[in-house]
Amino acid sequence: MSFLPYVLLGAYVVAINLYQLFFIKGLANARDSKAESVKFAHTKILLAGLFGGALLGYLSLFFFKYNTSNLLLMILLPLMIVGNVYLVIWLVRGSMVLFAG
């Protein structure tokens, strides 16, 4: 049994979550230093959440106190968390058979 697909999936999930964390940290630092705002910041947060970084993105919004008043982020990120968890469970349970050789 090859564990390579599981290792790759785990590395991907960790990488996208760390990207989300550092992106939101950078946004919070830019807000605090009154720097120019990043274009399409909410779109990038939602896109990274869709690709698997919703959990750490949602938690880092509260940790860095960045734009928690945005209703779209507060509703869509928890829904994406549920979808991400469901997708990972689905991939680990049976769909990884495609990679078995």
PDB file of N, CA and C in Angstrom:
ATOM      1  N   MET A   1       0.845  -1.180   0.000  1.00  0.00           N
ATOM      2  CA  MET A   1       0.000   0.000   0.000  1.00  0.00           C
ATOM      3  C   MET A   1       0.886   1.238   0.000  1.00  0.00           C
ATOM      4  N   SER A   2       0.638   2.111  -0.927  1.00  0.00           N
ATOM      5  CA  SER A   2       1.429   3.320  -1.064  1.00  0.00           C
ATOM      6  C   SER A   2       0.786   4.465  -0.282  1.00  0.00           C
ATOM      7  N   PHE A   3       1.603   5.145   0.492  1.00  0.00           N
ATOM      8  CA  PHE A   3       1.115   6.272   1.275  1.00  0.00           C
ATOM      9  C   PHE A   3       1.385   7.605   0.594  1.00  0.00           C
ATOM     10  N   LEU A   4       1.957   7.555  -0.603  1.00  0.00           N
ATOM     11  CA  LEU A   4       2.295   8.782  -1.306  1.00  0.00           C
ATOM     12  C   LEU A   4       1.093   9.691  -1.551  1.00  0.00           C
ATOM     13  N   PRO A   5      -0.062   9.183  -1.994  1.00  0.00           N
ATOM     14  CA  PRO A   5      -1.201  10.096  -2.187  1.00  0.00           C
ATOM     15  C   PRO A   5      -1.646  10.785  -0.906  1.00  0.00           C
ATOM     16  N   TYR A   6      -1.576  10.071   0.212  1.00  0.00           N
ATOM     17  CA  TYR A   6      -1.971  10.656   1.494  1.00  0.00           C
ATOM     18  C   TYR A   6      -0.982  11.731   1.943  1.00  0.00           C
ATOM     19  N   VAL A   7       0.301  11.477   1.702  1.00  0.00           N
ATOM     20  CA  VAL A   7       1.323  12.456   2.039  1.00  0.00           C
ATOM     21  C   VAL A   7       1.154  13.705   1.172  1.00  0.00           C
ATOM     22  N   LEU A   8       0.900  13.506  -0.120  1.00  0.00           N
ATOM     23  CA  LEU A   8       0.686  14.642  -1.016  1.00  0.00           C
ATOM     24  C   LEU A   8      -0.549  15.438  -0.624  1.00  0.00           C
ATOM     25  N   LEU A   9      -1.640  14.750  -0.281  1.00  0.00           N
ATOM     26  CA  LEU A   9      -2.860  15.431   0.147  1.00  0.00           C
ATOM     27  C   LEU A   9      -2.619  16.220   1.427  1.00  0.00           C
ATOM     28  N   GLY A  10      -1.921  15.614   2.389  1.00  0.00           N
ATOM     29  CA  GLY A  10      -1.609  16.304   3.634  1.00  0.00           C
ATOM     30  C   GLY A  10      -0.714  17.510   3.415  1.00  0.00           C
ATOM     31  N   ALA A  11       0.284  17.373   2.549  1.00  0.00           N
ATOM     32  CA  ALA A  11       1.179  18.501   2.257  1.00  0.00           C
ATOM     33  C   ALA A  11       0.423  19.623   1.567  1.00  0.00           C
ATOM     34  N   TYR A  12      -0.500  19.279   0.670  1.00  0.00           N
ATOM     35  CA  TYR A  12      -1.294  20.296  -0.014  1.00  0.00           C
ATOM     36  C   TYR A  12      -2.178  21.056   0.964  1.00  0.00           C
ATOM     37  N   VAL A  13      -2.849  20.338   1.847  1.00  0.00           N
ATOM     38  CA  VAL A  13      -3.748  20.983   2.809  1.00  0.00           C
ATOM     39  C   VAL A  13      -2.963  21.886   3.750  1.00  0.00           C
ATOM     40  N   VAL A  14      -1.818  21.429   4.210  1.00  0.00           N
ATOM     41  CA  VAL A  14      -0.984  22.259   5.085  1.00  0.00           C
ATOM     42  C   VAL A  14      -0.489  23.494   4.333  1.00  0.00           C
ATOM     43  N   ALA A  15      -0.060  23.331   3.087  1.00  0.00           N
ATOM     44  CA  ALA A  15       0.479  24.454   2.315  1.00  0.00           C
ATOM     45  C   ALA A  15      -0.586  25.514   2.046  1.00  0.00           C
ATOM     46  N   ILE A  16      -1.773  25.112   1.650  1.00  0.00           N
ATOM     47  CA  ILE A  16      -2.810  26.095   1.328  1.00  0.00           C
ATOM     48  C   ILE A  16      -3.296  26.797   2.598  1.00  0.00           C
ATOM     49  N   ASN A  17      -3.321  26.088   3.714  1.00  0.00           N
ATOM     50  CA  ASN A  17      -3.709  26.724   4.971  1.00  0.00           C
ATOM     51  C   ASN A  17      -2.648  27.712   5.442  1.00  0.00           C
ATOM     52  N   LEU A  18      -1.380  27.379   5.275  1.00  0.00           N
ATOM     53  CA  LEU A  18      -0.321  28.314   5.655  1.00  0.00           C
ATOM     54  C   LEU A  18      -0.322  29.535   4.744  1.00  0.00           C
ATOM     55  N   TYR A  19      -0.612  29.333   3.458  1.00  0.00           N
ATOM     56  CA  TYR A  19      -0.738  30.479   2.552  1.00  0.00           C
ATOM     57  C   TYR A  19      -1.830  31.418   3.051  1.00  0.00           C
ATOM     58  N   GLN A  20      -2.963  30.836   3.413  1.00  0.00           N
ATOM     59  CA  GLN A  20      -4.091  31.639   3.891  1.00  0.00           C
ATOM     60  C   GLN A  20      -3.708  32.405   5.165  1.00  0.00           C
ATOM     61  N   LEU A  21      -3.025  31.739   6.072  1.00  0.00           N
ATOM     62  CA  LEU A  21      -2.603  32.378   7.323  1.00  0.00           C
ATOM     63  C   LEU A  21      -1.681  33.564   7.051  1.00  0.00           C
ATOM     64  N   PHE A  22      -0.663  33.361   6.232  1.00  0.00           N
ATOM     65  CA  PHE A  22       0.299  34.430   5.979  1.00  0.00           C
ATOM     66  C   PHE A  22      -0.308  35.545   5.132  1.00  0.00           C
ATOM     67  N   PHE A  23      -1.242  35.219   4.254  1.00  0.00           N
ATOM     68  CA  PHE A  23      -1.901  36.248   3.460  1.00  0.00           C
ATOM     69  C   PHE A  23      -2.732  37.163   4.358  1.00  0.00           C
ATOM     70  N   ILE A  24      -3.495  36.579   5.269  1.00  0.00           N
ATOM     71  CA  ILE A  24      -4.327  37.389   6.161  1.00  0.00           C
ATOM     72  C   ILE A  24      -3.460  38.161   7.153  1.00  0.00           C
ATOM     73  N   LYS A  25      -2.347  37.556   7.580  1.00  0.00           N
ATOM     74  CA  LYS A  25      -1.421  38.278   8.459  1.00  0.00           C
ATOM     75  C   LYS A  25      -0.839  39.483   7.731  1.00  0.00           C
ATOM     76  N   GLY A  26      -0.501  39.332   6.466  1.00  0.00           N
ATOM     77  CA  GLY A  26       0.002  40.447   5.681  1.00  0.00           C
ATOM     78  C   GLY A  26      -1.043  41.537   5.488  1.00  0.00           C
ATOM     79  N   LEU A  27      -2.290  41.117   5.285  1.00  0.00           N
ATOM     80  CA  LEU A  27      -3.366  42.099   5.159  1.00  0.00           C
ATOM     81  C   LEU A  27      -3.567  42.876   6.458  1.00  0.00           C
ATOM     82  N   ALA A  28      -3.494  42.172   7.578  1.00  0.00           N
ATOM     83  CA  ALA A  28      -3.662  42.842   8.872  1.00  0.00           C
ATOM     84  C   ALA A  28      -2.501  43.789   9.145  1.00  0.00           C
ATOM     85  N   ASN A  29      -1.285  43.388   8.788  1.00  0.00           N
ATOM     86  CA  ASN A  29      -0.129  44.272   8.974  1.00  0.00           C
ATOM     87  C   ASN A  29      -0.232  45.499   8.078  1.00  0.00           C
ATOM     88  N   ALA A  30      -0.712  45.318   6.853  1.00  0.00           N
ATOM     89  CA  ALA A  30      -0.878  46.455   5.945  1.00  0.00           C
ATOM     90  C   ALA A  30      -1.953  47.405   6.465  1.00  0.00           C
ATOM     91  N   ARG A  31      -2.998  46.841   7.046  1.00  0.00           N
ATOM     92  CA  ARG A  31      -4.054  47.683   7.611  1.00  0.00           C
ATOM     93  C   ARG A  31      -3.515  48.490   8.788  1.00  0.00           C
ATOM     94  N   ASP A  32      -2.707  47.855   9.633  1.00  0.00           N
ATOM     95  CA  ASP A  32      -2.170  48.541  10.806  1.00  0.00           C
ATOM     96  C   ASP A  32      -1.167  49.625  10.443  1.00  0.00           C
ATOM     97  N   SER A  33      -0.412  49.420   9.367  1.00  0.00           N
ATOM     98  CA  SER A  33       0.584  50.414   8.974  1.00  0.00           C
ATOM     99  C   SER A  33       0.023  51.425   7.975  1.00  0.00           C
ATOM    100  N   LYS A  34      -1.260  51.368   7.728  1.00  0.00           N
ATOM    101  CA  LYS A  34      -1.954  52.292   6.827  1.00  0.00           C
ATOM    102  C   LYS A  34      -1.379  52.252   5.409  1.00  0.00           C
ATOM    103  N   ALA A  35      -0.919  51.075   5.000  1.00  0.00           N
ATOM    104  CA  ALA A  35      -0.382  50.919   3.645  1.00  0.00           C
ATOM    105  C   ALA A  35      -1.539  50.810   2.652  1.00  0.00           C
ATOM    106  N   GLU A  36      -1.189  50.815   1.400  1.00  0.00           N
ATOM    107  CA  GLU A  36      -2.194  50.702   0.349  1.00  0.00           C
ATOM    108  C   GLU A  36      -2.879  49.343   0.440  1.00  0.00           C
ATOM    109  N   SER A  37      -4.189  49.320   0.296  1.00  0.00           N
ATOM    110  CA  SER A  37      -4.920  48.067   0.437  1.00  0.00           C
ATOM    111  C   SER A  37      -4.677  47.165  -0.772  1.00  0.00           C
ATOM    112  N   VAL A  38      -4.738  45.878  -0.535  1.00  0.00           N
ATOM    113  CA  VAL A  38      -4.520  44.889  -1.573  1.00  0.00           C
ATOM    114  C   VAL A  38      -5.791  44.756  -2.402  1.00  0.00           C
ATOM    115  N   LYS A  39      -5.628  44.772  -3.720  1.00  0.00           N
ATOM    116  CA  LYS A  39      -6.793  44.625  -4.586  1.00  0.00           C
ATOM    117  C   LYS A  39      -7.299  43.188  -4.506  1.00  0.00           C
ATOM    118  N   PHE A  40      -8.594  43.054  -4.505  1.00  0.00           N
ATOM    119  CA  PHE A  40      -9.260  41.753  -4.513  1.00  0.00           C
ATOM    120  C   PHE A  40      -8.877  40.883  -3.311  1.00  0.00           C
ATOM    121  N   ALA A  41      -8.690  41.489  -2.151  1.00  0.00           N
ATOM    122  CA  ALA A  41      -8.265  40.735  -0.967  1.00  0.00           C
ATOM    123  C   ALA A  41      -9.320  39.716  -0.564  1.00  0.00           C
ATOM    124  N   HIS A  42     -10.591  40.114  -0.555  1.00  0.00           N
ATOM    125  CA  HIS A  42     -11.635  39.167  -0.151  1.00  0.00           C
ATOM    126  C   HIS A  42     -11.778  38.047  -1.163  1.00  0.00           C
ATOM    127  N   THR A  43     -11.590  38.352  -2.426  1.00  0.00           N
ATOM    128  CA  THR A  43     -11.654  37.314  -3.450  1.00  0.00           C
ATOM    129  C   THR A  43     -10.537  36.302  -3.264  1.00  0.00           C
ATOM    130  N   LYS A  44      -9.347  36.772  -2.924  1.00  0.00           N
ATOM    131  CA  LYS A  44      -8.224  35.861  -2.699  1.00  0.00           C
ATOM    132  C   LYS A  44      -8.455  35.002  -1.466  1.00  0.00           C
ATOM    133  N   ILE A  45      -9.045  35.575  -0.433  1.00  0.00           N
ATOM    134  CA  ILE A  45      -9.353  34.803   0.775  1.00  0.00           C
ATOM    135  C   ILE A  45     -10.379  33.712   0.456  1.00  0.00           C
ATOM    136  N   LEU A  46     -11.414  34.076  -0.285  1.00  0.00           N
ATOM    137  CA  LEU A  46     -12.442  33.092  -0.635  1.00  0.00           C
ATOM    138  C   LEU A  46     -11.903  32.033  -1.585  1.00  0.00           C
ATOM    139  N   LEU A  47     -11.052  32.411  -2.511  1.00  0.00           N
ATOM    140  CA  LEU A  47     -10.491  31.448  -3.453  1.00  0.00           C
ATOM    141  C   LEU A  47      -9.571  30.461  -2.744  1.00  0.00           C
ATOM    142  N   ALA A  48      -8.731  30.949  -1.842  1.00  0.00           N
ATOM    143  CA  ALA A  48      -7.869  30.046  -1.075  1.00  0.00           C
ATOM    144  C   ALA A  48      -8.703  29.156  -0.156  1.00  0.00           C
ATOM    145  N   GLY A  49      -9.802  29.691   0.367  1.00  0.00           N
ATOM    146  CA  GLY A  49     -10.692  28.871   1.188  1.00  0.00           C
ATOM    147  C   GLY A  49     -11.359  27.785   0.375  1.00  0.00           C
ATOM    148  N   LEU A  50     -11.715  28.090  -0.844  1.00  0.00           N
ATOM    149  CA  LEU A  50     -12.327  27.106  -1.727  1.00  0.00           C
ATOM    150  C   LEU A  50     -11.356  25.983  -2.057  1.00  0.00           C
ATOM    151  N   PHE A  51     -10.083  26.316  -2.193  1.00  0.00           N
ATOM    152  CA  PHE A  51      -9.074  25.313  -2.520  1.00  0.00           C
ATOM    153  C   PHE A  51      -8.564  24.545  -1.313  1.00  0.00           C
ATOM    154  N   GLY A  52      -9.117  24.789  -0.124  1.00  0.00           N
ATOM    155  CA  GLY A  52      -8.754  23.984   1.030  1.00  0.00           C
ATOM    156  C   GLY A  52      -8.265  24.748   2.234  1.00  0.00           C
ATOM    157  N   GLY A  53      -8.150  26.048   2.155  1.00  0.00           N
ATOM    158  CA  GLY A  53      -7.605  26.814   3.266  1.00  0.00           C
ATOM    159  C   GLY A  53      -8.646  27.536   4.089  1.00  0.00           C
ATOM    160  N   ALA A  54      -9.859  27.032   4.117  1.00  0.00           N
ATOM    161  CA  ALA A  54     -10.946  27.743   4.791  1.00  0.00           C
ATOM    162  C   ALA A  54     -10.797  27.731   6.313  1.00  0.00           C
ATOM    163  N   LEU A  55     -10.344  26.634   6.869  1.00  0.00           N
ATOM    164  CA  LEU A  55     -10.292  26.519   8.329  1.00  0.00           C
ATOM    165  C   LEU A  55      -9.318  27.520   8.942  1.00  0.00           C
ATOM    166  N   LEU A  56      -8.091  27.499   8.488  1.00  0.00           N
ATOM    167  CA  LEU A  56      -7.105  28.416   9.054  1.00  0.00           C
ATOM    168  C   LEU A  56      -7.386  29.851   8.625  1.00  0.00           C
ATOM    169  N   GLY A  57      -7.993  30.025   7.467  1.00  0.00           N
ATOM    170  CA  GLY A  57      -8.382  31.368   7.049  1.00  0.00           C
ATOM    171  C   GLY A  57      -9.431  31.958   7.966  1.00  0.00           C
ATOM    172  N   TYR A  58     -10.416  31.154   8.318  1.00  0.00           N
ATOM    173  CA  TYR A  58     -11.482  31.620   9.206  1.00  0.00           C
ATOM    174  C   TYR A  58     -10.935  31.921  10.601  1.00  0.00           C
ATOM    175  N   LEU A  59     -10.094  31.044  11.098  1.00  0.00           N
ATOM    176  CA  LEU A  59      -9.521  31.265  12.425  1.00  0.00           C
ATOM    177  C   LEU A  59      -8.578  32.466  12.448  1.00  0.00           C
ATOM    178  N   SER A  60      -7.818  32.650  11.368  1.00  0.00           N
ATOM    179  CA  SER A  60      -6.881  33.778  11.360  1.00  0.00           C
ATOM    180  C   SER A  60      -7.599  35.116  11.188  1.00  0.00           C
ATOM    181  N   LEU A  61      -8.788  35.120  10.608  1.00  0.00           N
ATOM    182  CA  LEU A  61      -9.565  36.361  10.559  1.00  0.00           C
ATOM    183  C   LEU A  61      -9.861  36.860  11.970  1.00  0.00           C
ATOM    184  N   PHE A  62     -10.187  35.939  12.860  1.00  0.00           N
ATOM    185  CA  PHE A  62     -10.454  36.322  14.243  1.00  0.00           C
ATOM    186  C   PHE A  62      -9.166  36.601  15.013  1.00  0.00           C
ATOM    187  N   PHE A  63      -8.134  35.800  14.757  1.00  0.00           N
ATOM    188  CA  PHE A  63      -6.881  35.954  15.490  1.00  0.00           C
ATOM    189  C   PHE A  63      -6.228  37.299  15.195  1.00  0.00           C
ATOM    190  N   PHE A  64      -6.230  37.703  13.921  1.00  0.00           N
ATOM    191  CA  PHE A  64      -5.625  38.983  13.542  1.00  0.00           C
ATOM    192  C   PHE A  64      -6.627  40.130  13.538  1.00  0.00           C
ATOM    193  N   LYS A  65      -7.875  39.841  13.899  1.00  0.00           N
ATOM    194  CA  LYS A  65      -8.953  40.846  13.939  1.00  0.00           C
ATOM    195  C   LYS A  65      -9.047  41.608  12.619  1.00  0.00           C
ATOM    196  N   TYR A  66      -9.070  40.835  11.538  1.00  0.00           N
ATOM    197  CA  TYR A  66      -9.121  41.442  10.212  1.00  0.00           C
ATOM    198  C   TYR A  66     -10.514  41.284   9.618  1.00  0.00           C
ATOM    199  N   ASN A  67     -11.214  42.357   9.459  1.00  0.00           N
ATOM    200  CA  ASN A  67     -12.447  42.443   8.686  1.00  0.00           C
ATOM    201  C   ASN A  67     -13.480  41.372   9.054  1.00  0.00           C
ATOM    202  N   THR A  68     -13.714  41.190  10.332  1.00  0.00           N
ATOM    203  CA  THR A  68     -14.717  40.212  10.749  1.00  0.00           C
ATOM    204  C   THR A  68     -16.133  40.750  10.586  1.00  0.00           C
ATOM    205  N   SER A  69     -16.268  41.978  10.165  1.00  0.00           N
ATOM    206  CA  SER A  69     -17.597  42.533   9.938  1.00  0.00           C
ATOM    207  C   SER A  69     -18.114  42.242   8.534  1.00  0.00           C
ATOM    208  N   ASN A  70     -17.286  41.642   7.696  1.00  0.00           N
ATOM    209  CA  ASN A  70     -17.700  41.305   6.338  1.00  0.00           C
ATOM    210  C   ASN A  70     -18.591  40.065   6.385  1.00  0.00           C
ATOM    211  N   LEU A  71     -19.855  40.244   6.073  1.00  0.00           N
ATOM    212  CA  LEU A  71     -20.832  39.161   6.184  1.00  0.00           C
ATOM    213  C   LEU A  71     -20.555  38.030   5.209  1.00  0.00           C
ATOM    214  N   LEU A  72     -20.056  38.358   4.025  1.00  0.00           N
ATOM    215  CA  LEU A  72     -19.776  37.331   3.022  1.00  0.00           C
ATOM    216  C   LEU A  72     -18.709  36.356   3.513  1.00  0.00           C
ATOM    217  N   LEU A  73     -17.632  36.876   4.100  1.00  0.00           N
ATOM    218  CA  LEU A  73     -16.580  36.009   4.619  1.00  0.00           C
ATOM    219  C   LEU A  73     -17.065  35.183   5.807  1.00  0.00           C
ATOM    220  N   MET A  74     -17.870  35.792   6.663  1.00  0.00           N
ATOM    221  CA  MET A  74     -18.333  35.103   7.863  1.00  0.00           C
ATOM    222  C   MET A  74     -19.348  34.001   7.554  1.00  0.00           C
ATOM    223  N   ILE A  75     -19.995  34.054   6.411  1.00  0.00           N
ATOM    224  CA  ILE A  75     -20.957  33.011   6.042  1.00  0.00           C
ATOM    225  C   ILE A  75     -20.308  31.959   5.150  1.00  0.00           C
ATOM    226  N   LEU A  76     -19.534  32.403   4.157  1.00  0.00           N
ATOM    227  CA  LEU A  76     -18.998  31.452   3.184  1.00  0.00           C
ATOM    228  C   LEU A  76     -17.834  30.619   3.715  1.00  0.00           C
ATOM    229  N   LEU A  77     -16.970  31.187   4.533  1.00  0.00           N
ATOM    230  CA  LEU A  77     -15.833  30.404   5.023  1.00  0.00           C
ATOM    231  C   LEU A  77     -16.250  29.206   5.879  1.00  0.00           C
ATOM    232  N   PRO A  78     -17.210  29.326   6.813  1.00  0.00           N
ATOM    233  CA  PRO A  78     -17.636  28.119   7.525  1.00  0.00           C
ATOM    234  C   PRO A  78     -18.286  27.069   6.607  1.00  0.00           C
ATOM    235  N   LEU A  79     -19.008  27.526   5.591  1.00  0.00           N
ATOM    236  CA  LEU A  79     -19.570  26.573   4.634  1.00  0.00           C
ATOM    237  C   LEU A  79     -18.463  25.869   3.853  1.00  0.00           C
ATOM    238  N   MET A  80     -17.417  26.604   3.533  1.00  0.00           N
ATOM    239  CA  MET A  80     -16.277  25.999   2.843  1.00  0.00           C
ATOM    240  C   MET A  80     -15.522  25.032   3.744  1.00  0.00           C
ATOM    241  N   ILE A  81     -15.487  25.310   5.042  1.00  0.00           N
ATOM    242  CA  ILE A  81     -14.845  24.388   5.979  1.00  0.00           C
ATOM    243  C   ILE A  81     -15.546  23.038   5.930  1.00  0.00           C
ATOM    244  N   VAL A  82     -16.862  23.060   5.969  1.00  0.00           N
ATOM    245  CA  VAL A  82     -17.635  21.811   5.905  1.00  0.00           C
ATOM    246  C   VAL A  82     -17.359  21.092   4.589  1.00  0.00           C
ATOM    247  N   GLY A  83     -17.349  21.838   3.497  1.00  0.00           N
ATOM    248  CA  GLY A  83     -17.068  21.233   2.197  1.00  0.00           C
ATOM    249  C   GLY A  83     -15.661  20.665   2.106  1.00  0.00           C
ATOM    250  N   ASN A  84     -14.681  21.371   2.662  1.00  0.00           N
ATOM    251  CA  ASN A  84     -13.299  20.887   2.642  1.00  0.00           C
ATOM    252  C   ASN A  84     -13.141  19.609   3.455  1.00  0.00           C
ATOM    253  N   VAL A  85     -13.751  19.572   4.629  1.00  0.00           N
ATOM    254  CA  VAL A  85     -13.664  18.373   5.473  1.00  0.00           C
ATOM    255  C   VAL A  85     -14.339  17.193   4.775  1.00  0.00           C
ATOM    256  N   TYR A  86     -15.508  17.440   4.178  1.00  0.00           N
ATOM    257  CA  TYR A  86     -16.203  16.383   3.459  1.00  0.00           C
ATOM    258  C   TYR A  86     -15.361  15.874   2.293  1.00  0.00           C
ATOM    259  N   LEU A  87     -14.720  16.770   1.560  1.00  0.00           N
ATOM    260  CA  LEU A  87     -13.907  16.373   0.419  1.00  0.00           C
ATOM    261  C   LEU A  87     -12.694  15.552   0.848  1.00  0.00           C
ATOM    262  N   VAL A  88     -12.036  15.949   1.930  1.00  0.00           N
ATOM    263  CA  VAL A  88     -10.882  15.199   2.415  1.00  0.00           C
ATOM    264  C   VAL A  88     -11.306  13.809   2.874  1.00  0.00           C
ATOM    265  N   ILE A  89     -12.414  13.713   3.594  1.00  0.00           N
ATOM    266  CA  ILE A  89     -12.908  12.396   4.026  1.00  0.00           C
ATOM    267  C   ILE A  89     -13.248  11.542   2.822  1.00  0.00           C
ATOM    268  N   TRP A  90     -13.893  12.135   1.822  1.00  0.00           N
ATOM    269  CA  TRP A  90     -14.252  11.388   0.620  1.00  0.00           C
ATOM    270  C   TRP A  90     -13.010  10.903  -0.122  1.00  0.00           C
ATOM    271  N   LEU A  91     -11.988  11.759  -0.211  1.00  0.00           N
ATOM    272  CA  LEU A  91     -10.761  11.365  -0.896  1.00  0.00           C
ATOM    273  C   LEU A  91     -10.027  10.260  -0.159  1.00  0.00           C
ATOM    274  N   VAL A  92      -9.965  10.363   1.163  1.00  0.00           N
ATOM    275  CA  VAL A  92      -9.227   9.369   1.942  1.00  0.00           C
ATOM    276  C   VAL A  92      -9.956   8.034   1.968  1.00  0.00           C
ATOM    277  N   ARG A  93     -11.274   8.053   2.010  1.00  0.00           N
ATOM    278  CA  ARG A  93     -12.034   6.807   2.114  1.00  0.00           C
ATOM    279  C   ARG A  93     -12.045   5.973   0.843  1.00  0.00           C
ATOM    280  N   GLY A  94     -12.109   6.573  -0.310  1.00  0.00           N
ATOM    281  CA  GLY A  94     -12.265   5.712  -1.461  1.00  0.00           C
ATOM    282  C   GLY A  94     -11.759   6.246  -2.769  1.00  0.00           C
ATOM    283  N   SER A  95     -11.721   7.517  -2.914  1.00  0.00           N
ATOM    284  CA  SER A  95     -11.383   8.072  -4.206  1.00  0.00           C
ATOM    285  C   SER A  95      -9.889   8.004  -4.498  1.00  0.00           C
ATOM    286  N   MET A  96      -9.067   7.771  -3.509  1.00  0.00           N
ATOM    287  CA  MET A  96      -7.632   7.685  -3.739  1.00  0.00           C
ATOM    288  C   MET A  96      -7.229   6.382  -4.424  1.00  0.00           C
ATOM    289  N   VAL A  97      -8.209   5.533  -4.667  1.00  0.00           N
ATOM    290  CA  VAL A  97      -7.938   4.273  -5.361  1.00  0.00           C
ATOM    291  C   VAL A  97      -7.373   4.548  -6.752  1.00  0.00           C
ATOM    292  N   LEU A  98      -7.701   5.694  -7.311  1.00  0.00           N
ATOM    293  CA  LEU A  98      -7.186   6.051  -8.626  1.00  0.00           C
ATOM    294  C   LEU A  98      -5.660   6.109  -8.631  1.00  0.00           C
ATOM    295  N   PHE A  99      -5.070   6.475  -7.491  1.00  0.00           N
ATOM    296  CA  PHE A  99      -3.622   6.597  -7.419  1.00  0.00           C
ATOM    297  C   PHE A  99      -2.943   5.269  -7.082  1.00  0.00           C
ATOM    298  N   ALA A 100      -3.687   4.291  -6.631  1.00  0.00           N
ATOM    299  CA  ALA A 100      -3.094   3.007  -6.258  1.00  0.00           C
ATOM    300  C   ALA A 100      -2.625   2.300  -7.529  1.00  0.00           C
ATOM    301  N   GLY A 101      -1.494   1.735  -7.435  1.00  0.00           N
ATOM    302  CA  GLY A 101      -0.970   1.124  -8.657  1.00  0.00           C
ATOM    303  C   GLY A 101      -0.639  -0.261  -8.425  1.00  0.00           C
TER     304      GLY A 101
END
